[in-house]
N, C-alpha and C. Protein backbone atom coordinates (compact mmCIF):
# COMPACT_ATOMS: atom_id res chain seq x y z
N MET A 1 20.49 -76.15 -41.24
CA MET A 1 21.47 -75.68 -41.08
C MET A 1 22.43 -75.32 -42.32
N THR A 2 23.23 -74.47 -42.66
CA THR A 2 24.60 -74.67 -43.34
C THR A 2 25.77 -74.25 -42.48
N GLU A 3 25.70 -74.32 -41.46
CA GLU A 3 26.72 -74.40 -40.77
C GLU A 3 26.61 -74.74 -39.27
N SER A 4 27.28 -74.96 -38.27
CA SER A 4 27.04 -75.47 -36.91
C SER A 4 26.50 -74.48 -36.41
N ALA A 5 25.65 -74.61 -34.96
CA ALA A 5 24.99 -73.54 -34.67
C ALA A 5 25.76 -72.87 -33.55
N ALA A 6 27.13 -73.38 -33.84
CA ALA A 6 28.60 -72.57 -33.20
C ALA A 6 28.68 -71.70 -33.30
N GLY A 7 28.72 -71.55 -34.80
CA GLY A 7 29.04 -70.50 -35.46
C GLY A 7 28.59 -69.87 -36.72
N GLY A 8 27.56 -70.55 -37.14
CA GLY A 8 27.57 -70.25 -38.74
C GLY A 8 26.03 -69.44 -39.30
N SER A 9 25.91 -70.00 -40.34
CA SER A 9 24.70 -69.18 -40.87
C SER A 9 23.19 -70.37 -40.34
N TYR A 10 22.59 -69.36 -40.63
CA TYR A 10 21.06 -69.98 -40.16
C TYR A 10 20.14 -69.78 -41.20
N SER A 11 20.49 -70.16 -42.13
CA SER A 11 19.37 -70.21 -43.37
C SER A 11 18.13 -70.83 -43.41
N ASN A 12 17.63 -71.47 -42.70
CA ASN A 12 16.87 -72.31 -42.43
C ASN A 12 15.71 -71.85 -40.77
N VAL A 13 16.09 -70.86 -40.73
CA VAL A 13 14.77 -69.74 -40.17
C VAL A 13 14.02 -69.11 -40.69
N VAL A 14 12.71 -69.49 -40.92
CA VAL A 14 11.37 -69.05 -41.52
C VAL A 14 10.56 -68.41 -40.61
N VAL A 15 10.11 -67.43 -41.17
CA VAL A 15 9.10 -66.40 -40.55
C VAL A 15 7.82 -66.63 -41.39
N SER A 16 6.39 -67.32 -40.80
CA SER A 16 5.61 -67.22 -41.82
C SER A 16 4.90 -66.00 -41.90
N PRO A 17 3.67 -66.03 -42.87
CA PRO A 17 2.88 -65.27 -43.23
C PRO A 17 2.18 -64.48 -41.63
N VAL A 18 1.64 -63.56 -41.56
CA VAL A 18 0.44 -63.11 -40.15
C VAL A 18 -0.26 -63.97 -40.27
N MET A 19 -0.69 -64.72 -39.11
CA MET A 19 -2.27 -65.50 -39.08
C MET A 19 -3.19 -64.67 -38.15
N ALA A 20 -4.18 -65.07 -38.27
CA ALA A 20 -5.53 -64.44 -37.54
C ALA A 20 -5.43 -64.95 -36.37
N GLY A 21 -5.35 -63.96 -35.34
CA GLY A 21 -5.64 -64.27 -33.67
C GLY A 21 -5.40 -63.28 -33.02
N ASN A 22 -5.95 -62.74 -32.13
CA ASN A 22 -5.97 -61.84 -31.21
C ASN A 22 -5.02 -61.53 -30.01
N PRO A 23 -3.96 -60.86 -30.35
CA PRO A 23 -3.47 -60.14 -31.78
C PRO A 23 -2.80 -61.16 -32.97
N PRO A 24 -2.67 -60.71 -33.74
CA PRO A 24 -2.31 -61.55 -34.93
C PRO A 24 -0.78 -62.03 -34.82
N PHE A 25 -0.36 -63.05 -35.40
CA PHE A 25 1.02 -63.69 -34.77
C PHE A 25 1.57 -64.33 -36.12
N ARG A 26 2.79 -64.29 -36.02
CA ARG A 26 3.63 -65.35 -37.13
C ARG A 26 4.11 -66.48 -36.62
N ILE A 27 4.47 -67.32 -37.19
CA ILE A 27 5.08 -68.57 -36.94
C ILE A 27 6.38 -68.92 -36.99
N VAL A 28 7.93 -68.92 -36.02
CA VAL A 28 8.86 -68.95 -36.19
C VAL A 28 9.38 -70.45 -36.57
N GLN A 29 10.02 -70.77 -37.39
CA GLN A 29 10.34 -72.04 -37.42
C GLN A 29 11.99 -72.01 -37.93
N VAL A 30 12.93 -72.99 -37.18
CA VAL A 30 14.14 -73.11 -37.27
C VAL A 30 14.46 -74.61 -37.70
N CYS A 31 14.92 -74.99 -38.80
CA CYS A 31 15.40 -76.17 -39.37
C CYS A 31 14.25 -77.04 -39.23
N GLY A 32 13.01 -76.52 -39.74
CA GLY A 32 11.89 -77.43 -39.97
C GLY A 32 10.82 -77.29 -38.72
N GLU A 33 11.42 -76.92 -37.46
CA GLU A 33 10.83 -77.43 -36.14
C GLU A 33 9.99 -76.12 -35.49
N VAL A 34 9.05 -75.94 -35.59
CA VAL A 34 8.31 -74.91 -34.88
C VAL A 34 9.25 -74.22 -33.09
N ALA A 35 9.54 -73.30 -33.48
CA ALA A 35 10.31 -72.50 -32.22
C ALA A 35 8.94 -71.99 -31.28
N GLY A 36 7.96 -71.47 -32.28
CA GLY A 36 6.94 -70.80 -31.23
C GLY A 36 6.21 -69.76 -32.07
N ARG A 37 5.43 -68.76 -31.48
CA ARG A 37 4.57 -67.81 -32.17
C ARG A 37 5.29 -66.30 -31.65
N ALA A 38 5.21 -66.04 -32.99
CA ALA A 38 5.60 -64.34 -32.50
C ALA A 38 4.53 -63.17 -32.84
N HIS A 39 4.77 -61.88 -32.15
CA HIS A 39 3.61 -61.11 -32.47
C HIS A 39 4.15 -60.06 -32.75
N ASP A 40 6.23 -59.83 -32.65
CA ASP A 40 6.40 -58.90 -33.23
C ASP A 40 7.93 -59.06 -33.10
N VAL A 41 8.52 -58.52 -33.82
CA VAL A 41 10.05 -58.67 -33.84
C VAL A 41 11.05 -59.02 -32.69
N VAL A 42 11.02 -58.25 -31.74
CA VAL A 42 11.36 -58.83 -30.45
C VAL A 42 10.93 -60.19 -29.90
N ASP A 43 10.09 -60.67 -30.32
CA ASP A 43 9.30 -62.22 -29.90
C ASP A 43 10.41 -62.80 -31.00
N VAL A 44 10.74 -62.85 -32.18
CA VAL A 44 11.32 -63.56 -32.94
C VAL A 44 12.92 -63.66 -32.26
N ILE A 45 13.27 -62.62 -31.84
CA ILE A 45 14.81 -62.55 -31.45
C ILE A 45 14.56 -63.31 -29.89
N HIS A 46 13.94 -63.37 -29.55
CA HIS A 46 13.67 -64.17 -27.80
C HIS A 46 13.37 -65.74 -28.68
N LEU A 47 12.92 -66.08 -29.56
CA LEU A 47 12.74 -67.40 -30.02
C LEU A 47 14.23 -68.15 -30.64
N LEU A 48 14.52 -67.37 -31.16
CA LEU A 48 15.74 -67.54 -31.57
C LEU A 48 16.68 -67.74 -30.70
N ARG A 49 16.87 -66.74 -29.76
CA ARG A 49 18.03 -66.96 -28.75
C ARG A 49 17.68 -68.18 -27.92
N ALA A 50 16.33 -68.44 -27.60
CA ALA A 50 15.87 -69.95 -27.11
C ALA A 50 16.49 -71.22 -27.96
N VAL A 51 16.29 -71.06 -28.49
CA VAL A 51 16.98 -72.76 -29.64
C VAL A 51 18.23 -72.38 -29.66
N GLY A 52 19.37 -71.13 -29.39
CA GLY A 52 20.62 -71.18 -29.24
C GLY A 52 21.10 -70.54 -30.31
N ILE A 53 20.23 -69.40 -31.06
CA ILE A 53 20.94 -68.82 -32.07
C ILE A 53 21.12 -67.17 -31.17
N PRO A 54 21.73 -66.87 -30.81
CA PRO A 54 21.43 -65.72 -29.62
C PRO A 54 21.81 -64.60 -30.60
N HIS A 55 22.56 -64.31 -31.95
CA HIS A 55 22.63 -63.06 -32.55
C HIS A 55 22.43 -63.57 -34.30
N ALA A 56 21.13 -63.47 -34.60
CA ALA A 56 20.69 -63.66 -35.80
C ALA A 56 20.73 -62.36 -36.59
N ASP A 57 21.12 -61.97 -37.75
CA ASP A 57 20.95 -61.01 -38.50
C ASP A 57 19.43 -60.78 -39.06
N LEU A 58 18.54 -60.49 -38.85
CA LEU A 58 16.99 -60.51 -39.37
C LEU A 58 16.91 -60.08 -40.57
N ASP A 59 17.80 -59.01 -41.37
CA ASP A 59 18.08 -58.45 -42.34
C ASP A 59 18.61 -59.24 -43.50
N ASP A 60 19.20 -60.18 -43.30
CA ASP A 60 19.71 -61.00 -44.11
C ASP A 60 19.28 -62.31 -44.46
N PRO A 61 18.75 -62.10 -45.58
CA PRO A 61 18.26 -63.38 -46.23
C PRO A 61 18.49 -64.59 -46.32
N SER A 62 19.89 -64.78 -46.44
CA SER A 62 20.32 -65.76 -45.91
C SER A 62 20.49 -66.53 -44.69
N VAL A 63 20.08 -65.63 -43.84
CA VAL A 63 19.57 -66.17 -42.00
C VAL A 63 18.20 -66.51 -41.57
N VAL A 64 17.03 -65.45 -42.48
CA VAL A 64 15.77 -65.64 -42.06
C VAL A 64 15.50 -65.20 -43.17
N ARG A 65 14.26 -66.15 -43.60
CA ARG A 65 13.23 -65.87 -44.56
C ARG A 65 11.99 -65.38 -44.23
N TRP A 66 11.56 -63.99 -44.72
CA TRP A 66 10.59 -63.73 -43.97
C TRP A 66 9.36 -63.80 -45.23
N GLU A 67 8.04 -64.83 -44.85
CA GLU A 67 7.49 -64.85 -45.92
C GLU A 67 5.61 -64.09 -45.44
N GLY A 68 5.45 -63.45 -46.71
CA GLY A 68 4.21 -62.45 -46.46
C GLY A 68 4.33 -61.13 -46.04
N GLY A 69 5.71 -60.73 -45.88
CA GLY A 69 6.27 -59.42 -45.46
C GLY A 69 7.77 -59.32 -45.07
N ASP A 70 7.89 -58.45 -44.36
CA ASP A 70 9.39 -58.23 -43.79
C ASP A 70 8.61 -58.17 -42.02
N LYS A 71 10.28 -57.94 -41.91
CA LYS A 71 10.17 -57.84 -40.01
C LYS A 71 9.37 -56.96 -39.60
N PHE A 72 8.55 -56.03 -40.37
CA PHE A 72 8.09 -55.09 -39.65
C PHE A 72 6.40 -55.13 -40.16
N THR A 73 5.94 -56.28 -40.71
CA THR A 73 4.78 -56.80 -41.21
C THR A 73 4.00 -57.55 -39.93
N TRP A 74 3.22 -56.89 -38.94
CA TRP A 74 2.49 -57.84 -37.89
C TRP A 74 1.07 -57.54 -38.18
N GLY A 75 0.46 -57.01 -38.86
CA GLY A 75 -0.68 -57.40 -38.89
C GLY A 75 -1.48 -57.35 -40.27
N PHE A 76 -2.78 -57.21 -40.53
CA PHE A 76 -3.29 -57.43 -42.03
C PHE A 76 -3.64 -56.09 -42.32
N ARG A 77 -3.41 -55.71 -43.77
CA ARG A 77 -3.90 -54.40 -44.25
C ARG A 77 -5.08 -54.74 -44.69
N LYS A 78 -5.65 -53.16 -44.17
CA LYS A 78 -7.44 -53.17 -44.63
C LYS A 78 -7.65 -52.68 -46.17
N LYS A 79 -8.45 -53.84 -46.56
CA LYS A 79 -8.84 -53.02 -48.17
C LYS A 79 -9.74 -52.03 -48.09
């Protein structure tokens, strides 16, 4: 983290690309540690709260890095 959990930036939150599953999911990591699986953006919010990040700005790239899509990407695109 770039600042303390008490009041700062959380640039070490990473949401992985969508992974195969039923339903598909994304892995959420905080400071390199797996916080859990998310099936939607609400799950991301709950996981961050569980690790002590109650008010993360999910639209701020200095807070959350979305890999393989954005906060609206939760499934696979059909070709």
